[in-house]
PDB file of N, CA and C in Angstrom:
ATOM      1  N   UNK A   1      89.792 108.445  88.855  1.00  0.00           N
ATOM      2  CA  UNK A   1      89.121 107.180  88.827  1.00  0.00           C
ATOM      3  C   UNK A   1      88.535 107.008  87.438  1.00  0.00           C
ATOM      4  N   UNK A   2      88.800 105.905  86.782  1.00  0.00           N
ATOM      5  CA  UNK A   2      88.276 105.610  85.456  1.00  0.00           C
ATOM      6  C   UNK A   2      87.492 104.308  85.552  1.00  0.00           C
ATOM      7  N   UNK A   3      86.288 104.302  85.003  1.00  0.00           N
ATOM      8  CA  UNK A   3      85.450 103.112  85.039  1.00  0.00           C
ATOM      9  C   UNK A   3      85.140 102.682  83.616  1.00  0.00           C
ATOM     10  N   UNK A   4      85.366 101.426  83.307  1.00  0.00           N
ATOM     11  CA  UNK A   4      85.103 100.912  81.966  1.00  0.00           C
ATOM     12  C   UNK A   4      83.605 100.782  81.723  1.00  0.00           C
ATOM     13  N   UNK A   5      83.222 100.992  80.478  1.00  0.00           N
ATOM     14  CA  UNK A   5      81.825 100.848  80.096  1.00  0.00           C
ATOM     15  C   UNK A   5      81.405  99.391  80.214  1.00  0.00           C
ATOM     16  N   UNK A   6      80.199  99.115  80.744  1.00  0.00           N
ATOM     17  CA  UNK A   6      79.746  97.728  80.861  1.00  0.00           C
ATOM     18  C   UNK A   6      79.419  97.106  79.500  1.00  0.00           C
ATOM     19  N   UNK A   7      79.225  97.941  78.489  1.00  0.00           N
ATOM     20  CA  UNK A   7      78.942  97.441  77.140  1.00  0.00           C
ATOM     21  C   UNK A   7      80.007  97.950  76.187  1.00  0.00           C
ATOM     22  N   UNK A   8      81.052  97.168  75.949  1.00  0.00           N
ATOM     23  CA  UNK A   8      82.138  97.604  75.077  1.00  0.00           C
ATOM     24  C   UNK A   8      81.625  97.954  73.686  1.00  0.00           C
ATOM     25  N   UNK A   9      82.189  99.023  73.122  1.00  0.00           N
ATOM     26  CA  UNK A   9      81.791  99.475  71.793  1.00  0.00           C
ATOM     27  C   UNK A   9      82.311  98.521  70.728  1.00  0.00           C
ATOM     28  N   UNK A  10      83.532  98.075  70.888  1.00  0.00           N
ATOM     29  CA  UNK A  10      84.145  97.223  69.864  1.00  0.00           C
ATOM     30  C   UNK A  10      84.921  96.114  70.558  1.00  0.00           C
ATOM     31  N   UNK A  11      84.260  95.004  70.864  1.00  0.00           N
ATOM     32  CA  UNK A  11      84.847  93.964  71.706  1.00  0.00           C
ATOM     33  C   UNK A  11      86.062  93.275  71.089  1.00  0.00           C
ATOM     34  N   UNK A  12      86.200  93.301  69.750  1.00  0.00           N
ATOM     35  CA  UNK A  12      87.351  92.627  69.168  1.00  0.00           C
ATOM     36  C   UNK A  12      88.655  93.382  69.413  1.00  0.00           C
ATOM     37  N   UNK A  13      88.587  94.603  69.915  1.00  0.00           N
ATOM     38  CA  UNK A  13      89.788  95.373  70.202  1.00  0.00           C
ATOM     39  C   UNK A  13      90.186  95.318  71.671  1.00  0.00           C
ATOM     40  N   UNK A  14      89.354  94.746  72.513  1.00  0.00           N
ATOM     41  CA  UNK A  14      89.656  94.692  73.938  1.00  0.00           C
ATOM     42  C   UNK A  14      90.658  93.574  74.191  1.00  0.00           C
ATOM     43  N   UNK A  15      91.722  93.937  74.922  1.00  0.00           N
ATOM     44  CA  UNK A  15      92.752  92.958  75.252  1.00  0.00           C
ATOM     45  C   UNK A  15      92.972  92.960  76.761  1.00  0.00           C
ATOM     46  N   UNK A  16      93.141  91.771  77.318  1.00  0.00           N
ATOM     47  CA  UNK A  16      93.530  91.691  78.721  1.00  0.00           C
ATOM     48  C   UNK A  16      95.017  91.985  78.804  1.00  0.00           C
ATOM     49  N   UNK A  17      95.398  92.828  79.744  1.00  0.00           N
ATOM     50  CA  UNK A  17      96.816  93.107  79.956  1.00  0.00           C
ATOM     51  C   UNK A  17      97.150  92.883  81.421  1.00  0.00           C
ATOM     52  N   UNK A  18      98.372  92.586  81.674  1.00  0.00           N
ATOM     53  CA  UNK A  18      98.870  92.467  83.038  1.00  0.00           C
ATOM     54  C   UNK A  18      99.322  93.849  83.466  1.00  0.00           C
ATOM     55  N   UNK A  19      98.593  94.447  84.407  1.00  0.00           N
ATOM     56  CA  UNK A  19      98.900  95.792  84.872  1.00  0.00           C
ATOM     57  C   UNK A  19     100.281  95.794  85.522  1.00  0.00           C
ATOM     58  N   UNK A  20     101.176  96.697  85.084  1.00  0.00           N
ATOM     59  CA  UNK A  20     102.501  96.760  85.717  1.00  0.00           C
ATOM     60  C   UNK A  20     102.375  97.127  87.193  1.00  0.00           C
ATOM     61  N   UNK A  21     103.100  96.404  88.041  1.00  0.00           N
ATOM     62  CA  UNK A  21     103.106  96.662  89.483  1.00  0.00           C
ATOM     63  C   UNK A  21     104.521  97.098  89.863  1.00  0.00           C
ATOM     64  N   UNK A  22     104.623  98.287  90.444  1.00  0.00           N
ATOM     65  CA  UNK A  22     105.918  98.845  90.842  1.00  0.00           C
ATOM     66  C   UNK A  22     106.038  98.761  92.365  1.00  0.00           C
ATOM     67  N   UNK A  23     107.047  98.027  92.835  1.00  0.00           N
ATOM     68  CA  UNK A  23     107.308  97.870  94.265  1.00  0.00           C
ATOM     69  C   UNK A  23     108.325  98.929  94.687  1.00  0.00           C
ATOM     70  N   UNK A  24     107.866  99.929  95.432  1.00  0.00           N
ATOM     71  CA  UNK A  24     108.736 101.035  95.816  1.00  0.00           C
ATOM     72  C   UNK A  24     109.783 100.665  96.860  1.00  0.00           C
ATOM     73  N   UNK A  25     109.718  99.465  97.399  1.00  0.00           N
ATOM     74  CA  UNK A  25     110.726  99.056  98.379  1.00  0.00           C
ATOM     75  C   UNK A  25     111.991  98.545  97.704  1.00  0.00           C
ATOM     76  N   UNK A  26     111.981  98.452  96.394  1.00  0.00           N
ATOM     77  CA  UNK A  26     113.138  97.951  95.657  1.00  0.00           C
ATOM     78  C   UNK A  26     114.251  98.980  95.544  1.00  0.00           C
ATOM     79  N   UNK A  27     115.320  98.576  94.885  1.00  0.00           N
ATOM     80  CA  UNK A  27     116.478  99.445  94.672  1.00  0.00           C
ATOM     81  C   UNK A  27     116.075 100.603  93.761  1.00  0.00           C
ATOM     82  N   UNK A  28     116.475 101.825  94.124  1.00  0.00           N
ATOM     83  CA  UNK A  28     115.982 103.057  93.494  1.00  0.00           C
ATOM     84  C   UNK A  28     116.148 103.092  91.965  1.00  0.00           C
ATOM     85  N   UNK A  29     117.316 102.743  91.446  1.00  0.00           N
ATOM     86  CA  UNK A  29     117.525 102.827  89.998  1.00  0.00           C
ATOM     87  C   UNK A  29     116.673 101.789  89.264  1.00  0.00           C
ATOM     88  N   UNK A  30     116.475 100.627  89.875  1.00  0.00           N
ATOM     89  CA  UNK A  30     115.618  99.590  89.288  1.00  0.00           C
ATOM     90  C   UNK A  30     114.163 100.056  89.273  1.00  0.00           C
ATOM     91  N   UNK A  31     113.715 100.635  90.386  1.00  0.00           N
ATOM     92  CA  UNK A  31     112.351 101.154  90.481  1.00  0.00           C
ATOM     93  C   UNK A  31     112.146 102.239  89.426  1.00  0.00           C
ATOM     94  N   UNK A  32     113.122 103.140  89.299  1.00  0.00           N
ATOM     95  CA  UNK A  32     113.023 104.220  88.302  1.00  0.00           C
ATOM     96  C   UNK A  32     112.875 103.678  86.895  1.00  0.00           C
ATOM     97  N   UNK A  33     113.668 102.689  86.540  1.00  0.00           N
ATOM     98  CA  UNK A  33     113.566 102.145  85.184  1.00  0.00           C
ATOM     99  C   UNK A  33     112.255 101.401  84.973  1.00  0.00           C
ATOM    100  N   UNK A  34     111.730 100.740  86.015  1.00  0.00           N
ATOM    101  CA  UNK A  34     110.428 100.079  85.889  1.00  0.00           C
ATOM    102  C   UNK A  34     109.301 101.096  85.685  1.00  0.00           C
ATOM    103  N   UNK A  35     109.393 102.235  86.361  1.00  0.00           N
ATOM    104  CA  UNK A  35     108.391 103.291  86.187  1.00  0.00           C
ATOM    105  C   UNK A  35     108.443 103.832  84.763  1.00  0.00           C
ATOM    106  N   UNK A  36     109.628 104.110  84.272  1.00  0.00           N
ATOM    107  CA  UNK A  36     109.775 104.620  82.896  1.00  0.00           C
ATOM    108  C   UNK A  36     109.204 103.611  81.902  1.00  0.00           C
ATOM    109  N   UNK A  37     109.544 102.344  82.068  1.00  0.00           N
ATOM    110  CA  UNK A  37     109.057 101.307  81.162  1.00  0.00           C
ATOM    111  C   UNK A  37     107.524 101.210  81.197  1.00  0.00           C
ATOM    112  N   UNK A  38     106.947 101.228  82.401  1.00  0.00           N
ATOM    113  CA  UNK A  38     105.487 101.150  82.534  1.00  0.00           C
ATOM    114  C   UNK A  38     104.815 102.350  81.874  1.00  0.00           C
ATOM    115  N   UNK A  39     105.395 103.525  82.037  1.00  0.00           N
ATOM    116  CA  UNK A  39     104.828 104.734  81.417  1.00  0.00           C
ATOM    117  C   UNK A  39     104.906 104.654  79.897  1.00  0.00           C
ATOM    118  N   UNK A  40     106.021 104.182  79.390  1.00  0.00           N
ATOM    119  CA  UNK A  40     106.191 104.090  77.938  1.00  0.00           C
ATOM    120  C   UNK A  40     105.275 103.034  77.323  1.00  0.00           C
ATOM    121  N   UNK A  41     105.131 101.893  77.985  1.00  0.00           N
ATOM    122  CA  UNK A  41     104.379 100.783  77.402  1.00  0.00           C
ATOM    123  C   UNK A  41     102.877 100.839  77.687  1.00  0.00           C
ATOM    124  N   UNK A  42     102.483 101.338  78.876  1.00  0.00           N
ATOM    125  CA  UNK A  42     101.078 101.303  79.271  1.00  0.00           C
ATOM    126  C   UNK A  42     100.482 102.670  79.591  1.00  0.00           C
ATOM    127  N   UNK A  43     101.298 103.588  80.074  1.00  0.00           N
ATOM    128  CA  UNK A  43     100.799 104.898  80.460  1.00  0.00           C
ATOM    129  C   UNK A  43     100.326 104.970  81.896  1.00  0.00           C
ATOM    130  N   UNK A  44     100.321 103.853  82.598  1.00  0.00           N
ATOM    131  CA  UNK A  44      99.911 103.826  84.002  1.00  0.00           C
ATOM    132  C   UNK A  44     100.437 102.560  84.644  1.00  0.00           C
ATOM    133  N   UNK A  45     100.370 102.511  85.993  1.00  0.00           N
ATOM    134  CA  UNK A  45     100.868 101.351  86.734  1.00  0.00           C
ATOM    135  C   UNK A  45     100.304 101.387  88.137  1.00  0.00           C
ATOM    136  N   UNK A  46     100.448 100.291  88.849  1.00  0.00           N
ATOM    137  CA  UNK A  46     100.033 100.191  90.250  1.00  0.00           C
ATOM    138  C   UNK A  46     101.287 100.228  91.116  1.00  0.00           C
ATOM    139  N   UNK A  47     101.206 100.951  92.234  1.00  0.00           N
ATOM    140  CA  UNK A  47     102.345 101.067  93.145  1.00  0.00           C
ATOM    141  C   UNK A  47     102.032 100.309  94.430  1.00  0.00           C
ATOM    142  N   UNK A  48     102.994  99.502  94.894  1.00  0.00           N
ATOM    143  CA  UNK A  48     102.864  98.805  96.169  1.00  0.00           C
ATOM    144  C   UNK A  48     104.048  99.180  97.066  1.00  0.00           C
ATOM    145  N   UNK A  49     103.888  98.913  98.362  1.00  0.00           N
ATOM    146  CA  UNK A  49     104.923  99.216  99.362  1.00  0.00           C
ATOM    147  C   UNK A  49     105.320 100.690  99.330  1.00  0.00           C
ATOM    148  N   UNK A  50     104.306 101.557  99.246  1.00  0.00           N
ATOM    149  CA  UNK A  50     104.523 103.000  99.193  1.00  0.00           C
ATOM    150  C   UNK A  50     104.480 103.638 100.574  1.00  0.00           C
ATOM    151  N   UNK A  51     104.020 102.898 101.586  1.00  0.00           N
ATOM    152  CA  UNK A  51     104.008 103.412 102.947  1.00  0.00           C
ATOM    153  C   UNK A  51     102.802 104.257 103.317  1.00  0.00           C
ATOM    154  N   UNK A  52     101.845 104.410 102.411  1.00  0.00           N
ATOM    155  CA  UNK A  52     100.647 105.186 102.735  1.00  0.00           C
ATOM    156  C   UNK A  52      99.664 104.261 103.449  1.00  0.00           C
ATOM    157  N   UNK A  53      99.244 104.618 104.656  1.00  0.00           N
ATOM    158  CA  UNK A  53      98.332 103.757 105.421  1.00  0.00           C
ATOM    159  C   UNK A  53      97.005 103.543 104.689  1.00  0.00           C
ATOM    160  N   UNK A  54      96.431 102.353 104.861  1.00  0.00           N
ATOM    161  CA  UNK A  54      95.174 102.011 104.182  1.00  0.00           C
ATOM    162  C   UNK A  54      94.032 102.946 104.548  1.00  0.00           C
ATOM    163  N   UNK A  55      93.998 103.440 105.788  1.00  0.00           N
ATOM    164  CA  UNK A  55      92.916 104.352 106.163  1.00  0.00           C
ATOM    165  C   UNK A  55      93.025 105.682 105.418  1.00  0.00           C
ATOM    166  N   UNK A  56      94.235 106.133 105.141  1.00  0.00           N
ATOM    167  CA  UNK A  56      94.436 107.362 104.366  1.00  0.00           C
ATOM    168  C   UNK A  56      93.979 107.149 102.925  1.00  0.00           C
ATOM    169  N   UNK A  57      94.327 106.006 102.360  1.00  0.00           N
ATOM    170  CA  UNK A  57      93.900 105.679 100.999  1.00  0.00           C
ATOM    171  C   UNK A  57      92.382 105.622 100.919  1.00  0.00           C
ATOM    172  N   UNK A  58      91.752 104.981 101.898  1.00  0.00           N
ATOM    173  CA  UNK A  58      90.287 104.873 101.914  1.00  0.00           C
ATOM    174  C   UNK A  58      89.625 106.250 101.991  1.00  0.00           C
ATOM    175  N   UNK A  59      90.174 107.137 102.827  1.00  0.00           N
ATOM    176  CA  UNK A  59      89.624 108.492 102.946  1.00  0.00           C
ATOM    177  C   UNK A  59      89.761 109.252 101.632  1.00  0.00           C
ATOM    178  N   UNK A  60      90.914 109.139 100.980  1.00  0.00           N
ATOM    179  CA  UNK A  60      91.125 109.824  99.711  1.00  0.00           C
ATOM    180  C   UNK A  60      90.201 109.278  98.627  1.00  0.00           C
ATOM    181  N   UNK A  61      90.008 107.958  98.611  1.00  0.00           N
ATOM    182  CA  UNK A  61      89.084 107.364  97.638  1.00  0.00           C
ATOM    183  C   UNK A  61      87.662 107.859  97.869  1.00  0.00           C
ATOM    184  N   UNK A  62      87.246 107.957  99.128  1.00  0.00           N
ATOM    185  CA  UNK A  62      85.904 108.460  99.430  1.00  0.00           C
ATOM    186  C   UNK A  62      85.761 109.917  99.009  1.00  0.00           C
ATOM    187  N   UNK A  63      86.786 110.723  99.261  1.00  0.00           N
ATOM    188  CA  UNK A  63      86.756 112.126  98.837  1.00  0.00           C
ATOM    189  C   UNK A  63      86.696 112.232  97.313  1.00  0.00           C
ATOM    190  N   UNK A  64      87.412 111.358  96.608  1.00  0.00           N
ATOM    191  CA  UNK A  64      87.386 111.422  95.143  1.00  0.00           C
ATOM    192  C   UNK A  64      86.020 111.018  94.601  1.00  0.00           C
ATOM    193  N   UNK A  65      85.395 110.011  95.203  1.00  0.00           N
ATOM    194  CA  UNK A  65      84.040 109.617  94.790  1.00  0.00           C
ATOM    195  C   UNK A  65      83.083 110.775  95.013  1.00  0.00           C
ATOM    196  N   UNK A  66      83.213 111.420  96.153  1.00  0.00           N
ATOM    197  CA  UNK A  66      82.367 112.562  96.477  1.00  0.00           C
ATOM    198  C   UNK A  66      82.593 113.714  95.492  1.00  0.00           C
ATOM    199  N   UNK A  67      83.855 114.004  95.178  1.00  0.00           N
ATOM    200  CA  UNK A  67      84.173 115.098  94.251  1.00  0.00           C
ATOM    201  C   UNK A  67      83.627 114.821  92.857  1.00  0.00           C
ATOM    202  N   UNK A  68      83.898 113.637  92.313  1.00  0.00           N
ATOM    203  CA  UNK A  68      83.511 113.349  90.931  1.00  0.00           C
ATOM    204  C   UNK A  68      82.009 113.140  90.757  1.00  0.00           C
ATOM    205  N   UNK A  69      81.268 113.023  91.868  1.00  0.00           N
ATOM    206  CA  UNK A  69      79.810 112.916  91.767  1.00  0.00           C
ATOM    207  C   UNK A  69      79.135 114.290  91.783  1.00  0.00           C
ATOM    208  N   UNK A  70      79.914 115.355  91.986  1.00  0.00           N
ATOM    209  CA  UNK A  70      79.366 116.707  91.984  1.00  0.00           C
ATOM    210  C   UNK A  70      78.963 117.121  90.566  1.00  0.00           C
ATOM    211  N   UNK A  71      78.190 118.190  90.479  1.00  0.00           N
ATOM    212  CA  UNK A  71      77.809 118.731  89.173  1.00  0.00           C
ATOM    213  C   UNK A  71      79.049 119.293  88.473  1.00  0.00           C
ATOM    214  N   UNK A  72      78.972 119.422  87.159  1.00  0.00           N
ATOM    215  CA  UNK A  72      80.092 119.943  86.387  1.00  0.00           C
ATOM    216  C   UNK A  72      80.496 121.328  86.877  1.00  0.00           C
ATOM    217  N   UNK A  73      79.524 122.180  87.154  1.00  0.00           N
ATOM    218  CA  UNK A  73      79.864 123.538  87.602  1.00  0.00           C
ATOM    219  C   UNK A  73      80.611 123.523  88.936  1.00  0.00           C
ATOM    220  N   UNK A  74      80.255 122.596  89.822  1.00  0.00           N
ATOM    221  CA  UNK A  74      80.973 122.474  91.097  1.00  0.00           C
ATOM    222  C   UNK A  74      82.395 121.973  90.881  1.00  0.00           C
ATOM    223  N   UNK A  75      82.559 120.960  90.011  1.00  0.00           N
ATOM    224  CA  UNK A  75      83.896 120.419  89.740  1.00  0.00           C
ATOM    225  C   UNK A  75      84.785 121.464  89.077  1.00  0.00           C
ATOM    226  N   UNK A  76      84.209 122.288  88.210  1.00  0.00           N
ATOM    227  CA  UNK A  76      84.993 123.296  87.494  1.00  0.00           C
ATOM    228  C   UNK A  76      85.566 124.354  88.432  1.00  0.00           C
ATOM    229  N   UNK A  77      85.018 124.494  89.630  1.00  0.00           N
ATOM    230  CA  UNK A  77      85.565 125.433  90.603  1.00  0.00           C
ATOM    231  C   UNK A  77      86.974 125.038  91.032  1.00  0.00           C
ATOM    232  N   UNK A  78      87.337 123.769  90.865  1.00  0.00           N
ATOM    233  CA  UNK A  78      88.671 123.276  91.215  1.00  0.00           C
ATOM    234  C   UNK A  78      89.631 123.359  90.038  1.00  0.00           C
ATOM    235  N   UNK A  79      89.195 123.851  88.915  1.00  0.00           N
ATOM    236  CA  UNK A  79      90.010 123.858  87.702  1.00  0.00           C
ATOM    237  C   UNK A  79      90.401 125.258  87.308  1.00  0.00           C
ATOM    238  N   UNK A  80      90.939 125.396  86.127  1.00  0.00           N
ATOM    239  CA  UNK A  80      91.252 124.341  85.169  1.00  0.00           C
ATOM    240  C   UNK A  80      92.577 123.664  85.509  1.00  0.00           C
ATOM    241  N   UNK A  81      92.852 122.584  84.836  1.00  0.00           N
ATOM    242  CA  UNK A  81      94.065 121.798  85.100  1.00  0.00           C
ATOM    243  C   UNK A  81      95.266 122.393  84.359  1.00  0.00           C
ATOM    244  N   UNK A  82      95.556 123.659  84.651  1.00  0.00           N
ATOM    245  CA  UNK A  82      96.677 124.331  83.993  1.00  0.00           C
ATOM    246  C   UNK A  82      97.563 124.931  85.067  1.00  0.00           C
ATOM    247  N   UNK A  83      98.537 124.331  85.627  1.00  0.00           N
ATOM    248  CA  UNK A  83      98.860 122.922  85.468  1.00  0.00           C
ATOM    249  C   UNK A  83      98.122 122.027  86.454  1.00  0.00           C
ATOM    250  N   UNK A  84      97.497 122.602  87.506  1.00  0.00           N
ATOM    251  CA  UNK A  84      96.825 121.786  88.500  1.00  0.00           C
ATOM    252  C   UNK A  84      95.351 122.153  88.562  1.00  0.00           C
ATOM    253  N   UNK A  85      94.504 121.187  88.863  1.00  0.00           N
ATOM    254  CA  UNK A  85      93.079 121.425  88.992  1.00  0.00           C
ATOM    255  C   UNK A  85      92.269 120.344  88.316  1.00  0.00           C
ATOM    256  N   UNK A  86      90.990 120.658  88.046  1.00  0.00           N
ATOM    257  CA  UNK A  86      90.063 119.708  87.438  1.00  0.00           C
ATOM    258  C   UNK A  86      90.142 119.784  85.910  1.00  0.00           C
ATOM    259  N   UNK A  87      90.058 118.621  85.287  1.00  0.00           N
ATOM    260  CA  UNK A  87      90.024 118.572  83.831  1.00  0.00           C
ATOM    261  C   UNK A  87      89.155 117.438  83.345  1.00  0.00           C
ATOM    262  N   UNK A  88      88.719 117.565  82.122  1.00  0.00           N
ATOM    263  CA  UNK A  88      87.900 116.538  81.483  1.00  0.00           C
ATOM    264  C   UNK A  88      88.293 116.486  80.018  1.00  0.00           C
ATOM    265  N   UNK A  89      88.600 115.304  79.519  1.00  0.00           N
ATOM    266  CA  UNK A  89      89.036 115.126  78.133  1.00  0.00           C
ATOM    267  C   UNK A  89      88.168 114.089  77.446  1.00  0.00           C
ATOM    268  N   UNK A  90      87.856 114.339  76.195  1.00  0.00           N
ATOM    269  CA  UNK A  90      87.198 113.324  75.374  1.00  0.00           C
ATOM    270  C   UNK A  90      88.247 112.312  74.944  1.00  0.00           C
ATOM    271  N   UNK A  91      87.865 111.056  74.965  1.00  0.00           N
ATOM    272  CA  UNK A  91      88.760 110.023  74.441  1.00  0.00           C
ATOM    273  C   UNK A  91      88.086 109.403  73.239  1.00  0.00           C
ATOM    274  N   UNK A  92      88.847 108.848  72.344  1.00  0.00           N
ATOM    275  CA  UNK A  92      88.270 108.255  71.160  1.00  0.00           C
ATOM    276  C   UNK A  92      89.293 107.516  70.326  1.00  0.00           C
ATOM    277  N   UNK A  93      90.487 107.355  70.844  1.00  0.00           N
ATOM    278  CA  UNK A  93      91.523 106.641  70.112  1.00  0.00           C
ATOM    279  C   UNK A  93      91.311 105.134  70.214  1.00  0.00           C
ATOM    280  N   UNK A  94      91.674 104.423  69.202  1.00  0.00           N
ATOM    281  CA  UNK A  94      91.641 102.951  69.196  1.00  0.00           C
ATOM    282  C   UNK A  94      90.270 102.374  69.519  1.00  0.00           C
ATOM    283  N   UNK A  95      89.204 103.070  69.125  1.00  0.00           N
ATOM    284  CA  UNK A  95      87.863 102.538  69.326  1.00  0.00           C
ATOM    285  C   UNK A  95      87.230 102.875  70.654  1.00  0.00           C
ATOM    286  N   UNK A  96      87.977 103.481  71.583  1.00  0.00           N
ATOM    287  CA  UNK A  96      87.402 103.885  72.866  1.00  0.00           C
ATOM    288  C   UNK A  96      86.549 105.131  72.660  1.00  0.00           C
ATOM    289  N   UNK A  97      85.480 105.245  73.389  1.00  0.00           N
ATOM    290  CA  UNK A  97      84.626 106.425  73.331  1.00  0.00           C
ATOM    291  C   UNK A  97      84.316 106.880  74.734  1.00  0.00           C
ATOM    292  N   UNK A  98      84.169 108.172  74.925  1.00  0.00           N
ATOM    293  CA  UNK A  98      83.759 108.679  76.225  1.00  0.00           C
ATOM    294  C   UNK A  98      84.613 109.831  76.691  1.00  0.00           C
ATOM    295  N   UNK A  99      84.570 110.068  77.983  1.00  0.00           N
ATOM    296  CA  UNK A  99      85.324 111.142  78.607  1.00  0.00           C
ATOM    297  C   UNK A  99      86.087 110.610  79.812  1.00  0.00           C
ATOM    298  N   UNK A 100      87.184 111.250  80.101  1.00  0.00           N
ATOM    299  CA  UNK A 100      87.956 110.939  81.292  1.00  0.00           C
ATOM    300  C   UNK A 100      88.051 112.225  82.107  1.00  0.00           C
ATOM    301  N   UNK A 101      87.638 112.152  83.360  1.00  0.00           N
ATOM    302  CA  UNK A 101      87.775 113.280  84.270  1.00  0.00           C
ATOM    303  C   UNK A 101      88.992 113.034  85.148  1.00  0.00           C
ATOM    304  N   UNK A 102      89.664 114.112  85.524  1.00  0.00           N
ATOM    305  CA  UNK A 102      90.844 113.965  86.368  1.00  0.00           C
ATOM    306  C   UNK A 102      91.027 115.193  87.227  1.00  0.00           C
ATOM    307  N   UNK A 103      91.811 115.022  88.270  1.00  0.00           N
ATOM    308  CA  UNK A 103      92.131 116.102  89.192  1.00  0.00           C
ATOM    309  C   UNK A 103      93.631 116.050  89.430  1.00  0.00           C
ATOM    310  N   UNK A 104      94.339 117.081  89.014  1.00  0.00           N
ATOM    311  CA  UNK A 104      95.785 117.146  89.182  1.00  0.00           C
ATOM    312  C   UNK A 104      96.105 118.022  90.378  1.00  0.00           C
ATOM    313  N   UNK A 105      96.893 117.490  91.300  1.00  0.00           N
ATOM    314  CA  UNK A 105      97.232 118.210  92.522  1.00  0.00           C
ATOM    315  C   UNK A 105      98.728 118.428  92.614  1.00  0.00           C
ATOM    316  N   UNK A 106      99.115 119.565  93.160  1.00  0.00           N
ATOM    317  CA  UNK A 106     100.496 119.865  93.465  1.00  0.00           C
ATOM    318  C   UNK A 106     100.823 119.182  94.792  1.00  0.00           C
ATOM    319  N   UNK A 107     102.048 118.731  94.970  1.00  0.00           N
ATOM    320  CA  UNK A 107     102.413 118.067  96.225  1.00  0.00           C
ATOM    321  C   UNK A 107     102.787 119.045  97.324  1.00  0.00           C
ATOM    322  N   UNK A 108     102.753 120.336  97.050  1.00  0.00           N
ATOM    323  CA  UNK A 108     103.032 121.348  98.055  1.00  0.00           C
ATOM    324  C   UNK A 108     101.852 121.430  99.026  1.00  0.00           C
ATOM    325  N   UNK A 109     102.069 121.198 100.327  1.00  0.00           N
ATOM    326  CA  UNK A 109     100.959 121.186 101.295  1.00  0.00           C
ATOM    327  C   UNK A 109     100.130 122.463 101.292  1.00  0.00           C
ATOM    328  N   UNK A 110     100.760 123.634 101.123  1.00  0.00           N
ATOM    329  CA  UNK A 110     100.010 124.890 101.102  1.00  0.00           C
ATOM    330  C   UNK A 110      99.088 124.935  99.881  1.00  0.00           C
ATOM    331  N   UNK A 111      99.603 124.490  98.738  1.00  0.00           N
ATOM    332  CA  UNK A 111      98.800 124.467  97.510  1.00  0.00           C
ATOM    333  C   UNK A 111      97.608 123.528  97.660  1.00  0.00           C
ATOM    334  N   UNK A 112      97.829 122.365  98.235  1.00  0.00           N
ATOM    335  CA  UNK A 112      96.744 121.399  98.447  1.00  0.00           C
ATOM    336  C   UNK A 112      95.713 121.978  99.408  1.00  0.00           C
ATOM    337  N   UNK A 113      96.163 122.637 100.464  1.00  0.00           N
ATOM    338  CA  UNK A 113      95.238 123.223 101.437  1.00  0.00           C
ATOM    339  C   UNK A 113      94.345 124.260 100.768  1.00  0.00           C
ATOM    340  N   UNK A 114      94.920 125.097  99.898  1.00  0.00           N
ATOM    341  CA  UNK A 114      94.132 126.104  99.197  1.00  0.00           C
ATOM    342  C   UNK A 114      93.150 125.456  98.227  1.00  0.00           C
ATOM    343  N   UNK A 115      93.612 124.477  97.448  1.00  0.00           N
ATOM    344  CA  UNK A 115      92.782 123.819  96.434  1.00  0.00           C
ATOM    345  C   UNK A 115      91.684 122.978  97.080  1.00  0.00           C
ATOM    346  N   UNK A 116      91.946 122.428  98.265  1.00  0.00           N
ATOM    347  CA  UNK A 116      90.975 121.532  98.906  1.00  0.00           C
ATOM    348  C   UNK A 116      89.652 122.223  99.195  1.00  0.00           C
ATOM    349  N   UNK A 117      89.678 123.532  99.328  1.00  0.00           N
ATOM    350  CA  UNK A 117      88.444 124.271  99.594  1.00  0.00           C
ATOM    351  C   UNK A 117      87.464 124.169  98.420  1.00  0.00           C
ATOM    352  N   UNK A 118      87.979 123.934  97.210  1.00  0.00           N
ATOM    353  CA  UNK A 118      87.113 123.803  96.031  1.00  0.00           C
ATOM    354  C   UNK A 118      86.874 122.344  95.667  1.00  0.00           C
ATOM    355  N   UNK A 119      87.546 121.431  96.340  1.00  0.00           N
ATOM    356  CA  UNK A 119      87.430 120.000  96.006  1.00  0.00           C
ATOM    357  C   UNK A 119      86.497 119.271  96.955  1.00  0.00           C
ATOM    358  N   UNK A 120      86.629 119.541  98.246  1.00  0.00           N
ATOM    359  CA  UNK A 120      85.948 118.746  99.259  1.00  0.00           C
ATOM    360  C   UNK A 120      84.865 119.539  99.996  1.00  0.00           C
ATOM    361  N   UNK A 121      83.820 118.837 100.394  1.00  0.00           N
ATOM    362  CA  UNK A 121      82.806 119.458 101.252  1.00  0.00           C
ATOM    363  C   UNK A 121      83.366 119.689 102.653  1.00  0.00           C
ATOM    364  N   UNK A 122      84.397 118.946 103.012  1.00  0.00           N
ATOM    365  CA  UNK A 122      85.051 119.083 104.307  1.00  0.00           C
ATOM    366  C   UNK A 122      86.565 119.163 104.070  1.00  0.00           C
ATOM    367  N   UNK A 123      87.093 120.358 103.708  1.00  0.00           N
ATOM    368  CA  UNK A 123      88.499 120.495 103.348  1.00  0.00           C
ATOM    369  C   UNK A 123      89.479 120.002 104.396  1.00  0.00           C
ATOM    370  N   UNK A 124      89.085 120.014 105.679  1.00  0.00           N
ATOM    371  CA  UNK A 124      89.990 119.520 106.721  1.00  0.00           C
ATOM    372  C   UNK A 124      90.259 118.032 106.555  1.00  0.00           C
ATOM    373  N   UNK A 125      89.246 117.268 106.119  1.00  0.00           N
ATOM    374  CA  UNK A 125      89.417 115.823 105.889  1.00  0.00           C
ATOM    375  C   UNK A 125      90.302 115.574 104.680  1.00  0.00           C
ATOM    376  N   UNK A 126      90.106 116.393 103.658  1.00  0.00           N
ATOM    377  CA  UNK A 126      90.874 116.194 102.436  1.00  0.00           C
ATOM    378  C   UNK A 126      92.339 116.476 102.692  1.00  0.00           C
TER     379      UNK A 126
END
């Protein structure tokens, strides 16, 4: 989760962009090329028609809010992000200032089950 600063450091560099939206219900090769293009041009995108129920998304968002509100020492128990875990990077390119925190997870269910013990207060929910 990334939140923009309410007081931009350098407002003349801020640009509105149209966030790329990738519809996963489309034809596979078309979807693949749209993902590559979005990654190359923006570095991120929004996915729709992915089939994940809204209640699952809401639970994951609540768990992420809970995780990222923990103390640094608690968050570091889930790291480092080599290749999976908690990480924090300073940003400063193109006039941006601050830090970005992230949590990289493996899609292997056993790996997630093991890592969830350091991420969530209630690993069964996670």
